[in-house]
Amino acid sequence: MSAGDLPEVGLRLLDGRLTGWGFPRWGSAAAAGLDLHACLDGPLTLDPGTPAALIPAGFAVLIREPGWCGLVFPRSGRGHRDGLILGNGTGVIDADYEGPLMISAWNRAAIPVRIEPGERIAQLVFTRVARPSLTVLDGDEVPGSGRGHGGFGSSGR
């Protein structure tokens, strides 16, 4: 690994237009997410209530370091303002996946959402992965924590 214990991640460009759109770049010096562009041949309109569309990001990411992964998130402005979110919530890119990066885009708004070629529609965040040792226990062997088993909101807060 390189300095600071960060992996060296390769990017295999699959769409030549990306460099003209400014890829790869972070939106600011302190931005966590790498901007992802919609590599479309023409505008795409996502109507409300229709299935998510897979949009090529125009590159493959080569993480190759098992202790790391990539997470794809929507861009907050388009999500909040226009209803453009990811059809799968958050995309996970495993360290050993080297295929084309695709963005699952979905319209949660009440009006159509239009995506232009080259538009920044998502962001890629790199993060560490923890893989603890797992032990399968019989239900009777599990000591209680004092908390209920109600699930969402079970802490009462």
C-alpha atoms as a PDB file:
ATOM      1  CA  MET A   1       0.000   0.000   0.000  1.00  0.00           C
ATOM      2  CA  SER A   2       0.994   3.600  -0.518  1.00  0.00           C
ATOM      3  CA  ALA A   3       1.771   6.337   1.984  1.00  0.00           C
ATOM      4  CA  GLY A   4      -0.763   6.856   4.731  1.00  0.00           C
ATOM      5  CA  ASP A   5      -2.003   3.244   4.406  1.00  0.00           C
ATOM      6  CA  LEU A   6      -4.282   4.200   1.504  1.00  0.00           C
ATOM      7  CA  PRO A   7      -4.700   1.824  -1.429  1.00  0.00           C
ATOM      8  CA  GLU A   8      -3.716   2.793  -4.939  1.00  0.00           C
ATOM      9  CA  VAL A   9      -6.937   2.564  -6.945  1.00  0.00           C
ATOM     10  CA  GLY A  10      -6.876   2.160 -10.712  1.00  0.00           C
ATOM     11  CA  LEU A  11      -9.412   3.723 -13.045  1.00  0.00           C
ATOM     12  CA  ARG A  12      -9.966   2.147 -16.458  1.00  0.00           C
ATOM     13  CA  LEU A  13     -11.692   4.752 -18.640  1.00  0.00           C
ATOM     14  CA  LEU A  14     -14.382   3.244 -20.861  1.00  0.00           C
ATOM     15  CA  ASP A  15     -15.850   6.498 -22.216  1.00  0.00           C
ATOM     16  CA  GLY A  16     -13.480   9.064 -23.737  1.00  0.00           C
ATOM     17  CA  ARG A  17     -15.829  11.948 -22.944  1.00  0.00           C
ATOM     18  CA  LEU A  18     -15.044  11.681 -19.225  1.00  0.00           C
ATOM     19  CA  THR A  19     -11.795  13.642 -19.394  1.00  0.00           C
ATOM     20  CA  GLY A  20     -13.581  16.482 -21.202  1.00  0.00           C
ATOM     21  CA  TRP A  21     -16.152  16.545 -18.403  1.00  0.00           C
ATOM     22  CA  GLY A  22     -13.352  16.885 -15.840  1.00  0.00           C
ATOM     23  CA  PHE A  23     -13.241  13.317 -14.530  1.00  0.00           C
ATOM     24  CA  PRO A  24     -11.725  12.254 -12.197  1.00  0.00           C
ATOM     25  CA  ARG A  25     -12.178  14.976  -9.611  1.00  0.00           C
ATOM     26  CA  TRP A  26     -13.589  15.663  -6.212  1.00  0.00           C
ATOM     27  CA  GLY A  27     -15.931  18.670  -5.981  1.00  0.00           C
ATOM     28  CA  SER A  28     -13.692  20.404  -3.436  1.00  0.00           C
ATOM     29  CA  ALA A  29     -10.438  19.880  -1.545  1.00  0.00           C
ATOM     30  CA  ALA A  30     -12.368  18.377   1.388  1.00  0.00           C
ATOM     31  CA  ALA A  31     -15.069  16.470  -0.543  1.00  0.00           C
ATOM     32  CA  ALA A  32     -15.471  12.808   0.414  1.00  0.00           C
ATOM     33  CA  GLY A  33     -17.077  11.735  -2.847  1.00  0.00           C
ATOM     34  CA  LEU A  34     -15.571  11.484  -6.331  1.00  0.00           C
ATOM     35  CA  ASP A  35     -18.064  12.947  -8.834  1.00  0.00           C
ATOM     36  CA  LEU A  36     -19.667  10.407 -11.178  1.00  0.00           C
ATOM     37  CA  HIS A  37     -20.966  11.521 -14.569  1.00  0.00           C
ATOM     38  CA  ALA A  38     -23.891  10.149 -16.568  1.00  0.00           C
ATOM     39  CA  CYS A  39     -22.282   8.677 -19.685  1.00  0.00           C
ATOM     40  CA  LEU A  40     -25.364   8.919 -21.842  1.00  0.00           C
ATOM     41  CA  ASP A  41     -25.612   9.458 -25.598  1.00  0.00           C
ATOM     42  CA  GLY A  42     -28.618  11.742 -25.161  1.00  0.00           C
ATOM     43  CA  PRO A  43     -30.828  13.154 -22.404  1.00  0.00           C
ATOM     44  CA  LEU A  44     -32.696  10.638 -20.264  1.00  0.00           C
ATOM     45  CA  THR A  45     -36.036  11.379 -18.620  1.00  0.00           C
ATOM     46  CA  LEU A  46     -37.025   9.355 -15.578  1.00  0.00           C
ATOM     47  CA  ASP A  47     -40.768   9.470 -15.043  1.00  0.00           C
ATOM     48  CA  PRO A  48     -42.218   9.175 -11.530  1.00  0.00           C
ATOM     49  CA  GLY A  49     -42.953   5.643 -10.403  1.00  0.00           C
ATOM     50  CA  THR A  50     -41.048   3.910 -13.195  1.00  0.00           C
ATOM     51  CA  PRO A  51     -38.304   1.349 -12.551  1.00  0.00           C
ATOM     52  CA  ALA A  52     -34.766   2.547 -11.913  1.00  0.00           C
ATOM     53  CA  ALA A  53     -32.483   3.012 -14.929  1.00  0.00           C
ATOM     54  CA  LEU A  54     -28.881   1.804 -15.103  1.00  0.00           C
ATOM     55  CA  ILE A  55     -26.641   4.615 -16.276  1.00  0.00           C
ATOM     56  CA  PRO A  56     -23.014   3.948 -17.231  1.00  0.00           C
ATOM     57  CA  ALA A  57     -20.418   5.922 -15.268  1.00  0.00           C
ATOM     58  CA  GLY A  58     -17.941   5.383 -18.114  1.00  0.00           C
ATOM     59  CA  PHE A  59     -15.156   3.668 -16.189  1.00  0.00           C
ATOM     60  CA  ALA A  60     -14.178   0.637 -14.158  1.00  0.00           C
ATOM     61  CA  VAL A  61     -12.645   1.036 -10.723  1.00  0.00           C
ATOM     62  CA  LEU A  62      -9.863  -1.332  -9.673  1.00  0.00           C
ATOM     63  CA  ILE A  63      -9.677  -1.269  -5.878  1.00  0.00           C
ATOM     64  CA  ARG A  64      -8.019  -4.703  -5.498  1.00  0.00           C
ATOM     65  CA  GLU A  65      -7.290  -4.158  -1.782  1.00  0.00           C
ATOM     66  CA  PRO A  66      -9.582  -6.483   0.266  1.00  0.00           C
ATOM     67  CA  GLY A  67      -9.720  -4.084   3.220  1.00  0.00           C
ATOM     68  CA  TRP A  68     -11.402  -1.405   1.084  1.00  0.00           C
ATOM     69  CA  CYS A  69     -14.561  -0.908  -0.976  1.00  0.00           C
ATOM     70  CA  GLY A  70     -16.332   1.830  -2.876  1.00  0.00           C
ATOM     71  CA  LEU A  71     -19.759   3.188  -1.971  1.00  0.00           C
ATOM     72  CA  VAL A  72     -21.928   4.975  -4.536  1.00  0.00           C
ATOM     73  CA  PHE A  73     -24.261   7.639  -3.154  1.00  0.00           C
ATOM     74  CA  PRO A  74     -26.608  10.107  -4.841  1.00  0.00           C
ATOM     75  CA  ARG A  75     -25.563  13.747  -5.000  1.00  0.00           C
ATOM     76  CA  SER A  76     -27.486  15.448  -2.230  1.00  0.00           C
ATOM     77  CA  GLY A  77     -28.617  18.484  -4.249  1.00  0.00           C
ATOM     78  CA  ARG A  78     -30.296  16.465  -7.008  1.00  0.00           C
ATOM     79  CA  GLY A  79     -31.796  14.086  -4.482  1.00  0.00           C
ATOM     80  CA  HIS A  80     -33.256  16.788  -2.270  1.00  0.00           C
ATOM     81  CA  ARG A  81     -34.238  19.298  -4.933  1.00  0.00           C
ATOM     82  CA  ASP A  82     -35.291  17.019  -7.803  1.00  0.00           C
ATOM     83  CA  GLY A  83     -35.941  13.577  -6.304  1.00  0.00           C
ATOM     84  CA  LEU A  84     -33.086  11.856  -8.177  1.00  0.00           C
ATOM     85  CA  ILE A  85     -31.818   9.072  -5.922  1.00  0.00           C
ATOM     86  CA  LEU A  86     -30.217   5.666  -6.331  1.00  0.00           C
ATOM     87  CA  GLY A  87     -32.534   2.780  -7.101  1.00  0.00           C
ATOM     88  CA  ASN A  88     -30.550   0.532  -4.774  1.00  0.00           C
ATOM     89  CA  GLY A  89     -30.079   3.077  -1.955  1.00  0.00           C
ATOM     90  CA  THR A  90     -26.303   2.782  -1.819  1.00  0.00           C
ATOM     91  CA  GLY A  91     -24.170   0.943  -4.341  1.00  0.00           C
ATOM     92  CA  VAL A  92     -21.340  -1.236  -3.018  1.00  0.00           C
ATOM     93  CA  ILE A  93     -18.256  -1.894  -5.128  1.00  0.00           C
ATOM     94  CA  ASP A  94     -16.272  -4.811  -3.783  1.00  0.00           C
ATOM     95  CA  ALA A  95     -12.483  -4.727  -4.011  1.00  0.00           C
ATOM     96  CA  ASP A  96     -12.478  -7.601  -6.506  1.00  0.00           C
ATOM     97  CA  TYR A  97     -15.123  -6.171  -8.885  1.00  0.00           C
ATOM     98  CA  GLU A  98     -13.472  -4.761 -12.010  1.00  0.00           C
ATOM     99  CA  GLY A  99     -16.406  -4.404 -14.407  1.00  0.00           C
ATOM    100  CA  PRO A 100     -18.059  -1.209 -15.640  1.00  0.00           C
ATOM    101  CA  LEU A 101     -19.440   1.032 -12.915  1.00  0.00           C
ATOM    102  CA  MET A 102     -23.181   1.554 -13.336  1.00  0.00           C
ATOM    103  CA  ILE A 103     -25.400   4.021 -11.489  1.00  0.00           C
ATOM    104  CA  SER A 104     -28.912   2.870 -10.613  1.00  0.00           C
ATOM    105  CA  ALA A 105     -30.944   6.088 -10.918  1.00  0.00           C
ATOM    106  CA  TRP A 106     -34.519   6.399  -9.701  1.00  0.00           C
ATOM    107  CA  ASN A 107     -37.013   9.252  -9.582  1.00  0.00           C
ATOM    108  CA  ARG A 108     -38.861   9.518  -6.256  1.00  0.00           C
ATOM    109  CA  ALA A 109     -40.431  12.878  -7.179  1.00  0.00           C
ATOM    110  CA  ALA A 110     -43.914  13.547  -8.542  1.00  0.00           C
ATOM    111  CA  ILE A 111     -42.611  15.117 -11.774  1.00  0.00           C
ATOM    112  CA  PRO A 112     -40.196  13.806 -14.436  1.00  0.00           C
ATOM    113  CA  VAL A 113     -36.448  14.138 -13.803  1.00  0.00           C
ATOM    114  CA  ARG A 114     -34.178  14.836 -16.762  1.00  0.00           C
ATOM    115  CA  ILE A 115     -30.525  13.734 -16.817  1.00  0.00           C
ATOM    116  CA  GLU A 116     -28.156  15.251 -19.356  1.00  0.00           C
ATOM    117  CA  PRO A 117     -25.075  13.523 -20.824  1.00  0.00           C
ATOM    118  CA  GLY A 118     -22.049  14.319 -18.657  1.00  0.00           C
ATOM    119  CA  GLU A 119     -24.136  15.531 -15.724  1.00  0.00           C
ATOM    120  CA  ARG A 120     -22.766  14.689 -12.279  1.00  0.00           C
ATOM    121  CA  ILE A 121     -25.456  12.465 -10.781  1.00  0.00           C
ATOM    122  CA  ALA A 122     -23.717  10.415  -8.087  1.00  0.00           C
ATOM    123  CA  GLN A 123     -20.537  10.194  -6.049  1.00  0.00           C
ATOM    124  CA  LEU A 124     -18.087   7.441  -5.192  1.00  0.00           C
ATOM    125  CA  VAL A 125     -16.687   7.256  -1.658  1.00  0.00           C
ATOM    126  CA  PHE A 126     -13.856   4.891  -0.747  1.00  0.00           C
ATOM    127  CA  THR A 127     -13.902   3.391   2.727  1.00  0.00           C
ATOM    128  CA  ARG A 128     -12.332   0.658   4.810  1.00  0.00           C
ATOM    129  CA  VAL A 129     -14.091  -2.660   5.274  1.00  0.00           C
ATOM    130  CA  ALA A 130     -14.146  -4.532   8.576  1.00  0.00           C
ATOM    131  CA  ARG A 131     -14.598  -8.299   8.314  1.00  0.00           C
ATOM    132  CA  PRO A 132     -14.929  -9.676  11.835  1.00  0.00           C
ATOM    133  CA  SER A 133     -14.766 -13.365  12.727  1.00  0.00           C
ATOM    134  CA  LEU A 134     -18.286 -14.752  12.840  1.00  0.00           C
ATOM    135  CA  THR A 135     -19.510 -17.360  15.306  1.00  0.00           C
ATOM    136  CA  VAL A 136     -22.877 -19.025  14.817  1.00  0.00           C
ATOM    137  CA  LEU A 137     -24.580 -19.408  18.200  1.00  0.00           C
ATOM    138  CA  ASP A 138     -27.600 -21.364  19.289  1.00  0.00           C
ATOM    139  CA  GLY A 139     -30.341 -18.980  20.417  1.00  0.00           C
ATOM    140  CA  ASP A 140     -30.088 -20.347  23.989  1.00  0.00           C
ATOM    141  CA  GLU A 141     -26.345 -19.541  24.128  1.00  0.00           C
ATOM    142  CA  VAL A 142     -26.751 -15.837  23.426  1.00  0.00           C
ATOM    143  CA  PRO A 143     -26.560 -13.712  26.588  1.00  0.00           C
ATOM    144  CA  GLY A 144     -29.164 -10.959  26.790  1.00  0.00           C
ATOM    145  CA  SER A 145     -28.173  -7.319  26.404  1.00  0.00           C
ATOM    146  CA  GLY A 146     -31.100  -5.967  28.383  1.00  0.00           C
ATOM    147  CA  ARG A 147     -32.635  -4.501  25.251  1.00  0.00           C
ATOM    148  CA  GLY A 148     -35.789  -5.692  23.618  1.00  0.00           C
ATOM    149  CA  HIS A 149     -35.991  -7.575  20.368  1.00  0.00           C
ATOM    150  CA  GLY A 150     -38.511  -5.237  18.747  1.00  0.00           C
ATOM    151  CA  GLY A 151     -36.218  -3.960  15.996  1.00  0.00           C
ATOM    152  CA  PHE A 152     -36.619  -0.419  14.680  1.00  0.00           C
ATOM    153  CA  GLY A 153     -37.068   2.038  17.518  1.00  0.00           C
ATOM    154  CA  SER A 154     -36.619  -0.641  20.187  1.00  0.00           C
ATOM    155  CA  SER A 155     -34.342   1.588  22.303  1.00  0.00           C
ATOM    156  CA  GLY A 156     -37.283   3.908  22.923  1.00  0.00           C
ATOM    157  CA  ARG A 157     -35.460   6.937  21.530  1.00  0.00           C
END
